[in-house]
Amino acid sequence: MDCEKFKIRYPEKECTLDQDEEWVTIVTRDSTEKIRLNDYEKFYEIPGLYEKVIYDKLKCDSHRVICELLNNEIEKVVFNKKKLRVLDFGAGNGVVGECLDKVVGCKVLIGLDIIQQARDAVERDRPKLYDEYYVMDISQMDECKQKILNEWNFNALVTVGALGYGDIPPQAFINAFNTIEDRGWIAFNIKDRFLNGDDDTGYKDTLKAMMGDSLEVLQKKRYCHRLSLSGESLYYYAIIGRKVNNTHPYSHKKKA
């Protein structure tokens, strides 16, 4: 199936669904199926569907915002971008990786996601974008996973649109952070309420501890991530920083 063989029906403008509850209906000649926007397995199986809904219809701009802010910070210091070895964590179907390649440029670009459909979509739609793409759950890091990731000597971590709402638990983000070398670049975004307001994801306390210990924040910007299905602006924080020299890996449990 491709985007020319189905129609997308959107809920009425009056819908008041939370971001992780939003859905669209896919209509084909033979079937009608409701798909939640964070049901990535189904979205990625249909070529072009994610881009058409999230980027074209809902005007998602996070890939550009994060990549441009990261590029701006790197250009303020003496650092050769051709030496960047980036872990694109929660890489999805490669939209962010593609933007990184165009805006920032890097020597090595590695994708990592928890679902096979994401890697399949990259191989189908953006072949040869990544030097390697791993399907791996690092919420619990073991010696084998650690060895695989450490071999790349990452000096940059980029995570866009994946933190909060249960997609990536805090410990997985911490484990990804710990694979980055000291003074490595850190670039991510997170919904504003998970940083400032009521938060049941664990990210508010986790990021507060990291920023006070292991992460030097260079840029923090509130911006419109995308529109909701009702047309309202959804605000996120973009955070760009560098990993602080630290003898021991950051541990959420130790800082709790």
Protein backbone atom coordinates (compact mmCIF):
# COMPACT_ATOMS: atom_id res chain seq x y z
CA MET A 1 0.00 0.00 0.00
CA ASP A 2 1.20 3.54 -0.68
CA CYS A 3 -0.20 7.02 -0.22
CA GLU A 4 -1.92 6.99 -3.60
CA LYS A 5 -4.04 3.97 -2.70
CA PHE A 6 -5.87 5.21 0.40
CA LYS A 7 -7.56 8.24 1.90
CA ILE A 8 -6.92 9.77 5.31
CA ARG A 9 -9.85 10.94 7.39
CA TYR A 10 -9.14 13.28 10.28
CA PRO A 11 -11.30 13.78 13.42
CA GLU A 12 -13.45 16.87 13.64
CA LYS A 13 -11.73 20.08 14.76
CA GLU A 14 -13.61 19.85 18.04
CA CYS A 15 -11.63 16.79 19.12
CA THR A 16 -9.85 17.31 22.44
CA LEU A 17 -7.67 14.23 22.53
CA ASP A 18 -4.33 14.32 24.29
CA GLN A 19 -1.31 14.01 22.04
CA ASP A 20 -0.79 10.29 22.64
CA GLU A 21 -4.49 9.57 22.03
CA GLU A 22 -4.83 11.25 18.62
CA TRP A 23 -5.81 9.08 15.67
CA VAL A 24 -6.63 9.15 11.98
CA THR A 25 -8.69 6.78 9.86
CA ILE A 26 -7.17 5.09 6.83
CA VAL A 27 -9.74 4.23 4.17
CA THR A 28 -9.01 1.86 1.29
CA ARG A 29 -11.26 0.16 -1.24
CA ASP A 30 -11.55 -2.85 1.04
CA SER A 31 -11.20 -1.59 4.61
CA THR A 32 -11.36 1.24 7.13
CA GLU A 33 -8.87 1.32 9.99
CA LYS A 34 -8.35 3.77 12.84
CA ILE A 35 -4.66 4.28 13.65
CA ARG A 36 -3.28 6.23 16.60
CA LEU A 37 -0.53 8.67 15.71
CA ASN A 38 1.92 6.94 18.02
CA ASP A 39 1.17 3.50 16.57
CA TYR A 40 4.47 3.64 14.73
CA GLU A 41 4.44 0.01 13.66
CA LYS A 42 1.39 0.59 11.46
CA PHE A 43 2.40 4.08 10.32
CA TYR A 44 5.81 2.96 9.10
CA GLU A 45 4.40 0.02 7.16
CA ILE A 46 2.70 2.43 4.71
CA PRO A 47 5.23 4.41 2.63
CA GLY A 48 4.82 8.15 3.08
CA LEU A 49 1.99 7.99 5.62
CA TYR A 50 3.97 9.34 8.58
CA GLU A 51 5.35 12.25 6.56
CA LYS A 52 1.95 13.06 5.09
CA VAL A 53 0.18 13.21 8.46
CA ILE A 54 2.85 14.44 10.88
CA TYR A 55 4.90 16.75 8.66
CA ASP A 56 2.55 17.88 5.89
CA LYS A 57 -0.80 18.04 7.72
CA LEU A 58 0.34 18.79 11.28
CA LYS A 59 3.41 20.86 10.36
CA CYS A 60 5.91 19.09 12.61
CA ASP A 61 9.09 21.18 12.72
CA SER A 62 11.18 19.51 15.40
CA HIS A 63 13.65 17.83 13.07
CA ARG A 64 14.63 21.20 11.59
CA VAL A 65 14.64 23.05 14.93
CA ILE A 66 16.86 20.54 16.72
CA CYS A 67 19.29 20.12 13.84
CA GLU A 68 19.68 23.86 13.27
CA LEU A 69 20.14 24.63 16.97
CA LEU A 70 22.73 21.86 17.27
CA ASN A 71 24.54 23.12 14.19
CA ASN A 72 24.54 26.68 15.55
CA GLU A 73 26.11 25.60 18.85
CA ILE A 74 28.76 23.49 17.15
CA GLU A 75 29.74 26.40 14.91
CA LYS A 76 30.36 28.61 17.96
CA VAL A 77 33.37 26.54 18.99
CA VAL A 78 36.40 24.99 17.34
CA PHE A 79 35.00 21.61 16.38
CA ASN A 80 35.26 19.74 13.10
CA LYS A 81 31.76 18.54 12.20
CA LYS A 82 33.33 15.97 9.91
CA LYS A 83 34.38 14.15 13.09
CA LEU A 84 30.85 13.86 14.47
CA ARG A 85 29.83 10.32 15.35
CA VAL A 86 26.10 10.56 16.03
CA LEU A 87 23.67 8.20 17.71
CA ASP A 88 20.18 9.00 16.40
CA PHE A 89 18.22 7.51 19.29
CA GLY A 90 14.57 6.72 18.57
CA ALA A 91 15.46 7.16 14.91
CA GLY A 92 12.09 6.06 13.50
CA ASN A 93 11.90 6.15 9.72
CA GLY A 94 14.92 8.41 9.30
CA VAL A 95 13.39 11.88 8.95
CA VAL A 96 15.66 13.27 11.68
CA GLY A 97 18.70 11.43 10.40
CA GLU A 98 18.12 12.83 6.93
CA CYS A 99 17.93 16.36 8.37
CA LEU A 100 21.08 15.78 10.41
CA ASP A 101 22.92 14.68 7.30
CA LYS A 102 21.84 17.80 5.39
CA VAL A 103 22.06 20.48 8.09
CA VAL A 104 24.88 19.30 10.33
CA GLY A 105 26.75 16.62 8.48
CA CYS A 106 28.69 13.93 10.31
CA LYS A 107 31.34 11.26 9.88
CA VAL A 108 29.21 8.47 11.32
CA LEU A 109 25.42 8.30 11.68
CA ILE A 110 23.92 5.37 13.57
CA GLY A 111 20.19 4.81 13.98
CA LEU A 112 18.61 3.00 16.91
CA ASP A 113 14.96 2.20 17.53
CA ILE A 114 12.99 -0.40 19.42
CA ILE A 115 10.77 -1.60 16.55
CA GLN A 116 11.70 -3.51 13.40
CA GLN A 117 9.18 -1.55 11.31
CA ALA A 118 11.28 1.58 11.79
CA ARG A 119 14.37 -0.06 10.34
CA ASP A 120 12.31 -1.59 7.53
CA ALA A 121 10.96 1.88 6.65
CA VAL A 122 14.46 3.35 6.55
CA GLU A 123 15.73 0.56 4.30
CA ARG A 124 12.73 1.10 2.02
CA ASP A 125 12.56 4.92 1.96
CA ARG A 126 16.05 6.15 2.90
CA PRO A 127 18.53 3.41 2.04
CA LYS A 128 22.19 4.07 2.82
CA LEU A 129 21.33 7.03 5.08
CA TYR A 130 22.74 5.34 8.19
CA ASP A 131 26.07 3.61 8.58
CA GLU A 132 24.18 1.08 10.71
CA TYR A 133 20.68 0.85 12.15
CA TYR A 134 20.04 -1.22 15.26
CA VAL A 135 16.72 -2.55 16.52
CA MET A 136 17.46 -2.69 20.22
CA ASP A 137 15.84 -2.05 23.60
CA ILE A 138 18.40 -0.35 25.82
CA SER A 139 16.10 0.35 28.77
CA GLN A 140 18.09 -2.47 30.35
CA MET A 141 21.66 -2.36 29.11
CA ASP A 142 23.69 -5.56 29.07
CA GLU A 143 27.31 -6.24 28.17
CA CYS A 144 26.52 -7.23 24.57
CA LYS A 145 24.50 -4.08 23.80
CA GLN A 146 27.08 -1.91 25.53
CA LYS A 147 29.89 -3.39 23.47
CA ILE A 148 28.02 -2.90 20.19
CA LEU A 149 27.34 0.77 20.88
CA ASN A 150 30.71 1.58 22.47
CA GLU A 151 32.53 0.42 19.35
CA TRP A 152 31.26 3.53 17.53
CA ASN A 153 32.82 5.98 20.03
CA PHE A 154 29.84 8.33 19.84
CA ASN A 155 30.45 12.02 20.45
CA ALA A 156 26.87 13.15 19.81
CA LEU A 157 23.39 12.00 20.88
CA VAL A 158 20.28 13.24 19.08
CA THR A 159 16.76 12.31 20.20
CA VAL A 160 13.79 14.02 18.57
CA GLY A 161 10.11 13.50 19.37
CA ALA A 162 10.70 10.30 21.31
CA LEU A 163 10.89 11.23 25.00
CA GLY A 164 7.80 10.98 27.16
CA TYR A 165 4.43 9.30 26.52
CA GLY A 166 6.00 5.92 27.27
CA ASP A 167 7.91 5.61 24.00
CA ILE A 168 11.34 5.86 25.63
CA PRO A 169 11.57 5.44 29.43
CA PRO A 170 14.04 7.67 31.30
CA GLN A 171 16.46 4.82 31.95
CA ALA A 172 16.80 4.12 28.23
CA PHE A 173 17.64 7.78 27.61
CA ILE A 174 20.18 7.66 30.44
CA ASN A 175 21.77 4.54 28.96
CA ALA A 176 22.02 6.23 25.55
CA PHE A 177 23.50 9.33 27.22
CA ASN A 178 26.11 7.17 28.95
CA THR A 179 27.38 5.85 25.59
CA ILE A 180 28.47 9.37 24.58
CA GLU A 181 32.05 10.39 25.27
CA ASP A 182 32.86 13.26 27.63
CA ARG A 183 32.23 16.69 26.07
CA GLY A 184 30.04 15.02 23.48
CA TRP A 185 27.06 16.91 22.05
CA ILE A 186 23.56 16.24 23.37
CA ALA A 187 20.46 17.40 21.46
CA PHE A 188 16.88 16.44 22.28
CA ASN A 189 13.37 17.77 22.71
CA ILE A 190 10.60 17.08 25.20
CA LYS A 191 7.04 18.28 25.69
CA ASP A 192 6.93 21.37 27.89
CA ARG A 193 4.67 19.90 30.56
CA PHE A 194 7.03 16.96 31.10
CA LEU A 195 9.72 19.45 32.07
CA ASN A 196 7.76 22.04 34.04
CA GLY A 197 4.31 20.82 34.99
CA ASP A 198 2.63 17.66 36.16
CA ASP A 199 4.83 14.79 35.07
CA ASP A 200 4.25 11.09 35.55
CA THR A 201 6.94 10.03 33.06
CA GLY A 202 9.95 10.49 35.36
CA TYR A 203 11.64 12.89 32.95
CA LYS A 204 11.22 16.04 35.03
CA ASP A 205 13.32 14.72 37.91
CA THR A 206 15.71 12.84 35.63
CA LEU A 207 16.54 15.84 33.45
CA LYS A 208 16.77 18.17 36.44
CA ALA A 209 19.36 15.86 37.97
CA MET A 210 21.28 15.51 34.72
CA MET A 211 21.37 19.26 34.10
CA GLY A 212 22.76 19.76 37.59
CA ASP A 213 25.41 17.11 37.22
CA SER A 214 26.25 15.62 33.83
CA LEU A 215 24.77 17.92 31.18
CA GLU A 216 25.90 21.48 30.43
CA VAL A 217 22.92 23.18 28.78
CA LEU A 218 23.93 25.57 26.01
CA GLN A 219 20.52 26.27 24.52
CA LYS A 220 16.98 25.79 25.82
CA LYS A 221 14.18 26.97 23.56
CA ARG A 222 10.41 26.59 23.77
CA TYR A 223 8.82 26.25 20.33
CA CYS A 224 5.88 24.73 18.47
CA HIS A 225 6.62 21.07 17.87
CA ARG A 226 3.55 20.56 15.68
CA LEU A 227 -0.18 21.19 15.56
CA SER A 228 -2.71 18.97 17.27
CA LEU A 229 -5.53 17.47 15.22
CA SER A 230 -7.72 20.30 16.51
CA GLY A 231 -5.26 22.87 15.17
CA GLU A 232 -3.73 23.88 18.51
CA SER A 233 0.02 24.44 18.85
CA LEU A 234 1.85 21.75 20.82
CA TYR A 235 4.87 23.22 22.58
CA TYR A 236 8.13 21.46 23.31
CA TYR A 237 11.51 22.44 24.67
CA ALA A 238 14.57 21.98 22.50
CA ILE A 239 17.66 21.39 24.61
CA ILE A 240 21.21 21.46 23.25
CA GLY A 241 24.18 20.79 25.50
CA ARG A 242 27.38 18.94 26.10
CA LYS A 243 28.11 16.02 28.35
CA VAL A 244 30.12 17.11 31.36
CA ASN A 245 33.34 15.27 32.20
CA ASN A 246 32.27 12.62 34.65
CA THR A 247 34.24 9.67 35.95
CA HIS A 248 31.16 7.54 36.54
CA PRO A 249 28.19 6.95 34.22
CA TYR A 250 25.08 8.89 35.13
CA SER A 251 22.58 6.81 37.09
CA HIS A 252 18.98 7.79 37.73
CA LYS A 253 18.89 5.57 40.81
CA LYS A 254 21.96 7.22 42.27
CA LYS A 255 20.44 10.69 41.81
CA ALA A 256 16.93 9.82 42.96
